[in-house]
N, C-alpha and C. Protein backbone atom coordinates (compact mmCIF):
# COMPACT_ATOMS: atom_id res chain seq x y z
N MET A 1 89.28 106.39 100.04
CA MET A 1 90.10 105.61 100.10
C MET A 1 90.23 104.10 99.41
N LEU A 2 88.90 103.57 99.53
CA LEU A 2 88.59 102.22 98.95
C LEU A 2 88.70 102.31 97.46
N ALA A 3 88.26 103.21 96.83
CA ALA A 3 88.42 103.33 95.23
C ALA A 3 89.90 103.37 94.99
N HIS A 4 90.83 103.88 95.54
CA HIS A 4 92.06 103.76 95.50
C HIS A 4 93.28 102.84 95.96
N GLY A 5 92.55 102.12 96.95
CA GLY A 5 93.58 101.31 97.75
C GLY A 5 92.99 99.79 98.09
N ARG A 6 92.43 99.37 97.20
CA ARG A 6 91.79 97.66 97.12
C ARG A 6 92.48 96.68 97.76
N THR A 7 93.84 97.08 96.74
CA THR A 7 94.80 95.96 96.84
C THR A 7 96.12 96.57 97.18
N LYS A 8 97.01 95.49 97.49
CA LYS A 8 98.38 96.02 98.08
C LYS A 8 99.09 96.96 96.83
N PRO A 9 99.09 96.53 95.95
CA PRO A 9 99.75 97.23 94.83
C PRO A 9 99.34 98.71 94.55
N GLU A 10 97.87 98.75 94.98
CA GLU A 10 97.29 100.01 94.51
C GLU A 10 97.54 100.95 95.84
N ARG A 11 97.60 100.39 97.22
CA ARG A 11 97.95 101.09 98.29
C ARG A 11 99.27 101.73 98.11
N GLU A 12 100.27 100.73 97.61
CA GLU A 12 101.65 100.98 97.34
C GLU A 12 101.80 102.28 96.38
N ALA A 13 101.02 102.16 95.45
CA ALA A 13 101.23 103.25 94.17
C ALA A 13 100.63 104.56 94.94
N LEU A 14 99.76 104.27 95.77
CA LEU A 14 99.03 105.47 96.20
C LEU A 14 99.97 106.25 97.44
N SER A 15 100.80 105.08 97.95
CA SER A 15 101.90 105.53 99.07
C SER A 15 102.98 106.38 98.14
N HIS A 16 103.50 106.02 96.89
CA HIS A 16 104.45 106.47 96.46
C HIS A 16 103.90 107.72 95.77
N ARG A 17 102.88 108.02 95.31
CA ARG A 17 102.61 109.10 94.81
C ARG A 17 102.21 110.39 95.85
N THR A 18 101.77 110.01 96.84
CA THR A 18 101.23 110.71 97.82
C THR A 18 102.49 111.24 98.83
N GLY A 19 103.34 110.59 98.96
CA GLY A 19 104.54 110.49 99.94
C GLY A 19 103.85 110.15 101.29
N ILE A 20 102.78 109.57 101.59
CA ILE A 20 102.35 109.05 102.69
C ILE A 20 102.64 107.84 102.82
N SER A 21 102.97 107.50 104.01
CA SER A 21 103.50 106.02 104.55
C SER A 21 102.71 104.79 103.87
N TYR A 22 102.89 103.59 103.68
CA TYR A 22 102.36 102.62 103.60
C TYR A 22 101.20 102.29 104.32
N ALA A 23 101.67 102.35 105.51
CA ALA A 23 100.93 101.76 107.07
C ALA A 23 99.89 102.74 107.03
N ALA A 24 100.07 104.29 107.25
CA ALA A 24 99.10 105.24 107.09
C ALA A 24 98.13 104.81 106.28
N ILE A 25 98.37 104.89 104.84
CA ILE A 25 97.53 104.40 103.88
C ILE A 25 96.71 103.20 104.34
N LEU A 26 97.12 101.91 104.48
CA LEU A 26 96.58 101.04 105.03
C LEU A 26 95.64 100.92 106.12
N GLU A 27 96.00 102.01 107.06
CA GLU A 27 95.16 102.16 108.28
C GLU A 27 93.52 103.06 107.91
N LEU A 28 94.05 103.90 107.03
CA LEU A 28 92.89 104.64 106.21
C LEU A 28 91.99 103.77 105.44
N VAL A 29 92.62 103.16 104.86
CA VAL A 29 91.55 102.01 104.24
C VAL A 29 91.00 101.08 104.78
N LYS A 30 91.35 100.77 105.86
CA LYS A 30 91.14 99.96 106.89
C LYS A 30 89.66 100.31 107.65
N LEU A 31 90.22 101.69 108.14
CA LEU A 31 88.78 102.48 108.64
C LEU A 31 87.77 102.74 107.80
N SER A 32 88.27 103.10 106.45
CA SER A 32 87.00 103.46 105.48
C SER A 32 86.06 102.10 105.29
N ASP A 33 86.83 100.98 105.29
CA ASP A 33 86.07 99.65 105.11
C ASP A 33 85.43 99.33 106.07
N LEU A 34 85.86 99.50 107.62
CA LEU A 34 84.87 99.49 108.61
C LEU A 34 83.81 100.30 108.70
N SER A 35 83.72 101.67 107.89
CA SER A 35 82.86 102.53 107.97
C SER A 35 81.75 102.12 106.75
N ARG A 36 82.03 101.06 106.16
CA ARG A 36 80.66 100.90 105.27
C ARG A 36 79.98 100.19 106.12
N ILE A 37 80.22 99.84 107.00
CA ILE A 37 78.91 98.93 107.95
C ILE A 37 78.21 100.07 108.39
N PHE A 38 76.95 100.09 108.16
CA PHE A 38 76.04 100.99 108.56
C PHE A 38 75.96 101.36 110.35
N GLY A 39 76.10 102.70 110.33
CA GLY A 39 76.11 103.08 111.85
C GLY A 39 77.77 103.23 112.51
N VAL A 40 78.66 102.79 111.70
CA VAL A 40 79.86 102.82 112.18
C VAL A 40 80.56 103.99 111.73
N LYS A 41 80.60 104.85 112.50
CA LYS A 41 81.60 106.01 112.17
C LYS A 41 82.67 106.55 112.78
N GLY A 42 83.52 107.58 112.54
CA GLY A 42 84.82 107.62 113.25
C GLY A 42 85.28 107.27 114.48
N VAL A 43 84.60 107.16 115.53
CA VAL A 43 85.09 106.77 116.67
C VAL A 43 84.71 105.32 117.10
N ARG A 44 83.62 104.97 116.59
CA ARG A 44 83.63 103.63 116.61
C ARG A 44 84.47 102.78 115.92
N ALA A 45 84.69 103.07 114.27
CA ALA A 45 85.82 102.51 113.63
C ALA A 45 86.78 102.45 114.41
N ARG A 46 87.38 103.36 114.93
CA ARG A 46 88.75 103.63 115.50
C ARG A 46 88.88 102.53 116.87
N LEU A 47 87.68 102.32 117.54
CA LEU A 47 87.65 101.49 118.53
C LEU A 47 87.92 100.01 117.99
N TYR A 48 87.36 99.75 116.81
CA TYR A 48 87.35 98.40 116.32
C TYR A 48 88.42 98.13 115.92
N TYR A 49 89.19 98.99 115.29
CA TYR A 49 90.54 99.20 114.62
C TYR A 49 91.58 99.18 115.58
N ALA A 50 91.43 99.73 116.95
CA ALA A 50 92.45 99.74 118.13
C ALA A 50 92.50 98.08 118.80
N VAL A 51 91.56 97.55 118.68
CA VAL A 51 91.04 96.14 119.19
C VAL A 51 91.66 95.04 118.28
N GLY A 52 91.99 95.70 117.28
CA GLY A 52 92.50 94.38 115.99
C GLY A 52 91.39 94.13 115.42
N LEU A 53 90.24 94.58 115.36
CA LEU A 53 89.16 93.98 114.36
C LEU A 53 88.78 95.15 113.34
N ASP A 54 90.17 95.34 112.56
CA ASP A 54 90.13 95.97 111.65
C ASP A 54 89.80 96.11 110.13
N HIS A 55 88.70 95.03 109.96
CA HIS A 55 87.80 95.13 108.56
C HIS A 55 86.73 94.06 109.02
N PRO A 56 85.57 94.67 108.28
CA PRO A 56 84.29 93.65 108.67
C PRO A 56 84.39 92.09 108.55
N ALA A 57 85.20 91.36 107.97
CA ALA A 57 85.40 89.96 108.03
C ALA A 57 85.89 89.53 109.49
N LYS A 58 86.34 90.31 109.90
CA LYS A 58 87.15 90.16 111.42
C LYS A 58 85.75 90.17 112.37
N LEU A 59 85.22 91.31 112.33
CA LEU A 59 83.69 91.83 112.84
C LEU A 59 82.92 90.39 112.96
N ALA A 60 82.76 90.09 111.66
CA ALA A 60 81.70 89.05 111.28
C ALA A 60 82.16 87.54 112.05
N GLN A 61 83.06 87.42 112.80
CA GLN A 61 83.36 86.18 113.44
C GLN A 61 82.83 86.43 115.08
N TRP A 62 82.48 87.48 115.18
CA TRP A 62 82.16 87.49 116.90
C TRP A 62 80.94 87.34 117.36
N ASP A 63 80.78 86.53 118.37
CA ASP A 63 79.40 86.61 118.89
C ASP A 63 79.17 88.29 119.50
N PRO A 64 78.03 88.92 119.15
CA PRO A 64 77.97 90.29 119.45
C PRO A 64 78.02 90.39 120.92
N GLN A 65 77.60 89.85 122.17
CA GLN A 65 77.69 89.89 123.58
C GLN A 65 79.24 89.48 123.75
N GLU A 66 79.99 88.48 123.40
CA GLU A 66 81.62 88.62 123.61
C GLU A 66 81.96 89.56 122.96
N LEU A 67 81.60 89.98 122.09
CA LEU A 67 81.93 91.45 120.92
C LEU A 67 81.88 92.74 122.30
N ARG A 68 80.69 92.85 122.60
CA ARG A 68 80.58 93.89 123.48
C ARG A 68 81.20 93.92 124.75
N ALA A 69 81.21 92.65 125.28
CA ALA A 69 81.84 92.50 126.39
C ALA A 69 83.64 93.03 126.53
N MET A 70 84.12 92.17 125.50
CA MET A 70 85.45 92.67 125.10
C MET A 70 85.73 93.91 124.89
N LEU A 71 84.98 94.77 124.17
CA LEU A 71 85.09 96.01 123.91
C LEU A 71 84.90 97.06 125.09
N LYS A 72 83.95 96.53 126.29
CA LYS A 72 83.67 97.26 127.37
C LYS A 72 84.96 97.16 128.31
N LYS A 73 85.80 96.14 128.38
CA LYS A 73 86.78 95.51 129.13
C LYS A 73 87.96 96.71 128.51
N PHE A 74 88.22 96.90 127.22
CA PHE A 74 89.09 97.35 126.35
C PHE A 74 88.74 98.79 126.76
N VAL A 75 87.70 99.57 126.73
CA VAL A 75 87.50 100.79 127.07
C VAL A 75 87.99 101.33 128.21
N ALA A 76 87.56 100.32 129.32
CA ALA A 76 87.77 100.61 130.49
C ALA A 76 89.24 100.63 130.89
N LYS A 77 90.15 99.76 130.40
CA LYS A 77 91.22 99.18 130.90
C LYS A 77 92.37 100.56 130.20
N THR A 78 91.70 101.04 129.08
CA THR A 78 92.62 101.71 127.91
C THR A 78 92.28 103.33 128.34
N GLY A 79 91.31 103.65 128.73
CA GLY A 79 90.68 105.09 128.34
C GLY A 79 90.27 105.45 127.42
N PHE A 80 89.84 104.41 126.20
CA PHE A 80 89.95 104.99 124.92
C PHE A 80 88.57 105.83 125.03
N PRO A 81 88.44 106.98 124.17
CA PRO A 81 87.76 107.95 124.53
C PRO A 81 86.23 107.63 123.36
N GLY A 82 85.75 106.48 123.85
CA GLY A 82 84.50 106.32 123.16
C GLY A 82 84.07 105.45 124.05
N ILE A 83 82.82 104.84 123.75
CA ILE A 83 82.06 103.76 124.27
C ILE A 83 81.82 102.33 123.61
N ALA A 84 81.59 101.34 124.43
CA ALA A 84 81.58 99.96 123.50
C ALA A 84 79.80 100.14 122.93
N PRO A 85 79.57 99.58 122.08
CA PRO A 85 78.40 99.42 121.60
C PRO A 85 77.31 99.11 122.36
N LEU A 86 76.20 99.23 122.42
CA LEU A 86 74.85 98.80 123.26
C LEU A 86 74.65 97.44 122.94
N PRO A 87 74.11 96.49 123.43
CA PRO A 87 73.86 95.17 122.78
C PRO A 87 73.18 95.18 121.30
N LYS A 88 72.26 95.92 120.96
CA LYS A 88 71.54 96.01 119.83
C LYS A 88 72.20 96.44 118.80
N GLU A 89 73.34 97.23 119.01
CA GLU A 89 74.46 98.00 118.01
C GLU A 89 75.23 96.86 117.83
N ALA A 90 75.57 96.03 118.90
CA ALA A 90 76.66 94.88 118.42
C ALA A 90 76.20 93.84 117.60
N ARG A 91 74.94 93.51 118.20
CA ARG A 91 74.04 92.52 117.22
C ARG A 91 74.19 92.94 115.79
N PHE A 92 73.38 94.17 115.75
CA PHE A 92 73.49 94.57 114.03
C PHE A 92 74.82 95.02 113.58
N THR A 93 75.74 95.30 114.31
CA THR A 93 77.07 95.38 113.43
C THR A 93 77.37 94.03 113.05
N VAL A 94 77.44 93.25 113.75
CA VAL A 94 78.08 91.75 113.26
C VAL A 94 76.88 91.18 112.22
N ILE A 95 75.98 91.57 112.33
CA ILE A 95 74.67 91.18 111.31
C ILE A 95 75.22 91.83 109.95
N GLU A 96 75.52 93.13 110.21
CA GLU A 96 75.94 93.63 108.68
C GLU A 96 77.28 93.29 108.34
N ALA A 97 78.28 92.98 109.30
CA ALA A 97 79.63 92.71 108.87
C ALA A 97 79.38 91.36 108.14
N LYS A 98 78.67 90.67 108.31
CA LYS A 98 78.61 89.27 107.66
C LYS A 98 77.74 89.31 106.27
N THR A 99 77.24 90.54 105.97
CA THR A 99 76.59 90.47 104.66
C THR A 99 77.19 91.32 104.11
N LEU A 100 78.47 92.07 104.46
CA LEU A 100 78.97 92.74 103.47
C LEU A 100 79.81 92.33 102.42
N PRO A 101 80.00 92.60 101.11
CA PRO A 101 80.85 92.14 100.43
C PRO A 101 82.43 92.59 100.83
N GLU A 102 83.36 91.46 100.57
CA GLU A 102 84.52 91.83 100.82
C GLU A 102 84.98 92.58 99.41
N VAL A 103 85.52 94.07 99.72
CA VAL A 103 85.82 94.77 98.49
C VAL A 103 87.55 95.25 98.53
N VAL A 104 88.10 94.82 99.64
CA VAL A 104 89.62 95.33 99.86
C VAL A 104 90.45 93.72 100.14
N GLU A 105 91.47 93.54 99.39
CA GLU A 105 92.41 92.62 99.78
C GLU A 105 93.54 92.86 100.79
N TYR A 106 93.42 91.99 101.81
CA TYR A 106 94.53 92.30 102.84
C TYR A 106 95.40 91.12 102.83
N GLU A 107 96.44 91.67 103.36
CA GLU A 107 97.80 90.78 103.49
C GLU A 107 97.64 89.68 104.46
N ASP A 108 96.78 89.93 105.81
CA ASP A 108 96.55 89.13 107.07
C ASP A 108 95.57 88.28 106.62
């Protein structure tokens, strides 16, 4: 997804070629971008996406303890089928997010 959806025009072209909505393409690109963070797989990427932390640059802005607390509250409130990261995972995720080069152009 990252190879074919890095820019809005590429995502629009992919949507046109495949018949998949632009919104669905963008969601898959964002999940793929989050998955570049070592250790972030499907469920964890979906958790970050669900709370609006839909690309690494947004995660990089968080304090790990505050991130974990917010995610724990979200999971408890919504019944999201996953768990918040452990403290060590939250620290690692934020550090990794800060080091990743930005490879996708977003509108927001």
